[in-house]
Amino acid sequence: MVDNPFDDEIRVGEILRAESFEEANKPKMTKLWIDLGDEYGEIRSAGQLDHHYDPEELEGRRVLCATTLGSVRIAGFKSEALTVGVPDEDGYPVLVEPESDVPLGGLLF
């Protein structure tokens, strides 16, 4: 078994920076830089979020991140986690967010 600090985990992160991802093949993509706290550091993620969110309104939000799916390169951007969302009636993601201010890196259980 591989020693992985994120073994099947969904953790709380705070979006530090977000920008539209014009280079991506899929429409309405957003690049995210997410802080998972002192223990886990900063990661990057990409998702089809521009349908519901302007990049500047994402900054500062706490979100849930699936951290064990591996990484993928999208138009040269390394996405290291899946920012968790559920589809709306048109299939576009709506972010899943903690209701209260919880610690960064907190584990979903």
C-alpha atoms as a PDB file:
ATOM      1  CA  MET A   1       0.000   0.000   0.000  1.00  0.00           C
ATOM      2  CA  VAL A   2       1.264   3.453  -0.919  1.00  0.00           C
ATOM      3  CA  ASP A   3       1.795   5.864   1.980  1.00  0.00           C
ATOM      4  CA  ASN A   4      -0.600   8.660   1.025  1.00  0.00           C
ATOM      5  CA  PRO A   5      -1.490  11.428   3.517  1.00  0.00           C
ATOM      6  CA  PHE A   6      -4.794  11.895   1.633  1.00  0.00           C
ATOM      7  CA  ASP A   7      -5.959   8.236   1.688  1.00  0.00           C
ATOM      8  CA  ASP A   8      -9.575   8.452   0.402  1.00  0.00           C
ATOM      9  CA  GLU A   9     -10.191  11.869   1.859  1.00  0.00           C
ATOM     10  CA  ILE A  10     -12.341  14.889   1.326  1.00  0.00           C
ATOM     11  CA  ARG A  11     -10.887  17.915   3.097  1.00  0.00           C
ATOM     12  CA  VAL A  12     -11.905  21.532   3.682  1.00  0.00           C
ATOM     13  CA  GLY A  13      -9.982  24.176   1.780  1.00  0.00           C
ATOM     14  CA  GLU A  14     -10.215  27.909   1.240  1.00  0.00           C
ATOM     15  CA  ILE A  15     -10.081  29.317  -2.278  1.00  0.00           C
ATOM     16  CA  LEU A  16      -7.165  31.741  -2.327  1.00  0.00           C
ATOM     17  CA  ARG A  17      -7.363  32.672  -5.992  1.00  0.00           C
ATOM     18  CA  ALA A  18      -9.674  31.934  -8.926  1.00  0.00           C
ATOM     19  CA  GLU A  19      -9.566  32.865 -12.583  1.00  0.00           C
ATOM     20  CA  SER A  20     -11.427  31.984 -15.761  1.00  0.00           C
ATOM     21  CA  PHE A  21      -9.728  29.181 -17.690  1.00  0.00           C
ATOM     22  CA  GLU A  22     -10.040  30.317 -21.299  1.00  0.00           C
ATOM     23  CA  GLU A  23      -7.450  27.797 -22.568  1.00  0.00           C
ATOM     24  CA  ALA A  24      -9.546  24.756 -21.538  1.00  0.00           C
ATOM     25  CA  ASN A  25     -11.520  22.827 -24.142  1.00  0.00           C
ATOM     26  CA  LYS A  26     -14.654  22.710 -21.988  1.00  0.00           C
ATOM     27  CA  PRO A  27     -16.658  25.924 -21.602  1.00  0.00           C
ATOM     28  CA  LYS A  28     -17.062  27.839 -18.358  1.00  0.00           C
ATOM     29  CA  MET A  29     -13.936  26.429 -16.679  1.00  0.00           C
ATOM     30  CA  THR A  30     -12.274  28.054 -13.662  1.00  0.00           C
ATOM     31  CA  LYS A  31      -8.761  27.619 -12.235  1.00  0.00           C
ATOM     32  CA  LEU A  32      -8.579  27.495  -8.427  1.00  0.00           C
ATOM     33  CA  TRP A  33      -5.711  27.776  -5.943  1.00  0.00           C
ATOM     34  CA  ILE A  34      -6.888  26.268  -2.646  1.00  0.00           C
ATOM     35  CA  ASP A  35      -5.321  26.345   0.821  1.00  0.00           C
ATOM     36  CA  LEU A  36      -5.789  23.113   2.798  1.00  0.00           C
ATOM     37  CA  GLY A  37      -4.081  24.509   5.887  1.00  0.00           C
ATOM     38  CA  ASP A  38      -0.609  24.224   7.390  1.00  0.00           C
ATOM     39  CA  GLU A  39      -0.511  20.422   7.380  1.00  0.00           C
ATOM     40  CA  TYR A  40      -1.487  19.912   3.710  1.00  0.00           C
ATOM     41  CA  GLY A  41      -0.563  23.171   1.997  1.00  0.00           C
ATOM     42  CA  GLU A  42      -1.813  24.684  -1.239  1.00  0.00           C
ATOM     43  CA  ILE A  43      -3.284  22.682  -4.122  1.00  0.00           C
ATOM     44  CA  ARG A  44      -4.781  23.561  -7.488  1.00  0.00           C
ATOM     45  CA  SER A  45      -8.076  22.494  -9.006  1.00  0.00           C
ATOM     46  CA  ALA A  46     -10.065  23.201 -12.159  1.00  0.00           C
ATOM     47  CA  GLY A  47     -13.790  22.889 -12.709  1.00  0.00           C
ATOM     48  CA  GLN A  48     -16.746  24.106 -14.762  1.00  0.00           C
ATOM     49  CA  LEU A  49     -17.728  26.760 -12.246  1.00  0.00           C
ATOM     50  CA  ASP A  50     -18.169  29.890 -14.399  1.00  0.00           C
ATOM     51  CA  HIS A  51     -21.810  28.980 -15.038  1.00  0.00           C
ATOM     52  CA  HIS A  52     -22.760  29.817 -11.429  1.00  0.00           C
ATOM     53  CA  TYR A  53     -19.785  31.765 -10.063  1.00  0.00           C
ATOM     54  CA  ASP A  54     -17.658  34.717 -11.113  1.00  0.00           C
ATOM     55  CA  PRO A  55     -14.023  33.922 -10.238  1.00  0.00           C
ATOM     56  CA  GLU A  56     -13.682  36.928  -7.905  1.00  0.00           C
ATOM     57  CA  GLU A  57     -16.688  35.814  -5.810  1.00  0.00           C
ATOM     58  CA  LEU A  58     -15.082  32.396  -5.231  1.00  0.00           C
ATOM     59  CA  GLU A  59     -12.060  33.794  -3.424  1.00  0.00           C
ATOM     60  CA  GLY A  60     -12.325  33.307   0.342  1.00  0.00           C
ATOM     61  CA  ARG A  61     -14.958  30.551   0.149  1.00  0.00           C
ATOM     62  CA  ARG A  62     -14.433  27.313   2.035  1.00  0.00           C
ATOM     63  CA  VAL A  63     -15.064  24.284  -0.146  1.00  0.00           C
ATOM     64  CA  LEU A  64     -14.699  20.521  -0.001  1.00  0.00           C
ATOM     65  CA  CYS A  65     -11.922  18.881  -2.024  1.00  0.00           C
ATOM     66  CA  ALA A  66     -11.495  15.223  -2.961  1.00  0.00           C
ATOM     67  CA  THR A  67      -7.738  14.905  -2.626  1.00  0.00           C
ATOM     68  CA  THR A  68      -7.020  11.269  -3.579  1.00  0.00           C
ATOM     69  CA  LEU A  69      -8.096  11.113  -7.206  1.00  0.00           C
ATOM     70  CA  GLY A  70      -4.651  11.928  -8.551  1.00  0.00           C
ATOM     71  CA  SER A  71      -3.777  14.876 -10.723  1.00  0.00           C
ATOM     72  CA  VAL A  72      -4.599  15.713 -14.316  1.00  0.00           C
ATOM     73  CA  ARG A  73      -3.238  18.337 -16.718  1.00  0.00           C
ATOM     74  CA  ILE A  74      -5.837  20.473 -18.424  1.00  0.00           C
ATOM     75  CA  ALA A  75      -4.414  22.812 -21.071  1.00  0.00           C
ATOM     76  CA  GLY A  76      -1.111  22.903 -19.156  1.00  0.00           C
ATOM     77  CA  PHE A  77      -2.707  23.504 -15.727  1.00  0.00           C
ATOM     78  CA  LYS A  78      -2.130  20.747 -13.146  1.00  0.00           C
ATOM     79  CA  SER A  79      -5.383  20.049 -11.280  1.00  0.00           C
ATOM     80  CA  GLU A  80      -4.536  18.166  -8.085  1.00  0.00           C
ATOM     81  CA  ALA A  81      -7.978  17.740  -6.505  1.00  0.00           C
ATOM     82  CA  LEU A  82     -11.653  17.687  -7.359  1.00  0.00           C
ATOM     83  CA  THR A  83     -13.601  20.560  -5.832  1.00  0.00           C
ATOM     84  CA  VAL A  84     -16.828  18.863  -4.747  1.00  0.00           C
ATOM     85  CA  GLY A  85     -20.132  19.977  -6.217  1.00  0.00           C
ATOM     86  CA  VAL A  86     -23.501  18.618  -7.246  1.00  0.00           C
ATOM     87  CA  PRO A  87     -25.138  19.196 -10.627  1.00  0.00           C
ATOM     88  CA  ASP A  88     -27.937  21.677 -11.101  1.00  0.00           C
ATOM     89  CA  GLU A  89     -30.878  20.956 -13.432  1.00  0.00           C
ATOM     90  CA  ASP A  90     -28.634  21.709 -16.451  1.00  0.00           C
ATOM     91  CA  GLY A  91     -25.734  19.576 -15.195  1.00  0.00           C
ATOM     92  CA  TYR A  92     -23.471  22.438 -14.058  1.00  0.00           C
ATOM     93  CA  PRO A  93     -21.739  22.076 -10.663  1.00  0.00           C
ATOM     94  CA  VAL A  94     -22.968  23.879  -7.570  1.00  0.00           C
ATOM     95  CA  LEU A  95     -20.248  23.843  -4.905  1.00  0.00           C
ATOM     96  CA  VAL A  96     -20.659  21.945  -1.651  1.00  0.00           C
ATOM     97  CA  GLU A  97     -19.562  24.248   1.167  1.00  0.00           C
ATOM     98  CA  PRO A  98     -19.387  23.931   4.964  1.00  0.00           C
ATOM     99  CA  GLU A  99     -22.183  25.864   6.624  1.00  0.00           C
ATOM    100  CA  SER A 100     -19.912  27.086   9.432  1.00  0.00           C
ATOM    101  CA  ASP A 101     -16.348  28.375   9.581  1.00  0.00           C
ATOM    102  CA  VAL A 102     -14.427  25.114  10.062  1.00  0.00           C
ATOM    103  CA  PRO A 103     -10.640  24.590  10.177  1.00  0.00           C
ATOM    104  CA  LEU A 104      -8.728  24.286   6.901  1.00  0.00           C
ATOM    105  CA  GLY A 105      -7.709  20.712   6.163  1.00  0.00           C
ATOM    106  CA  GLY A 106     -10.646  19.353   8.179  1.00  0.00           C
ATOM    107  CA  LEU A 107     -11.671  15.853   7.151  1.00  0.00           C
ATOM    108  CA  LEU A 108     -15.201  15.056   5.982  1.00  0.00           C
ATOM    109  CA  PHE A 109     -16.574  12.105   7.922  1.00  0.00           C
END
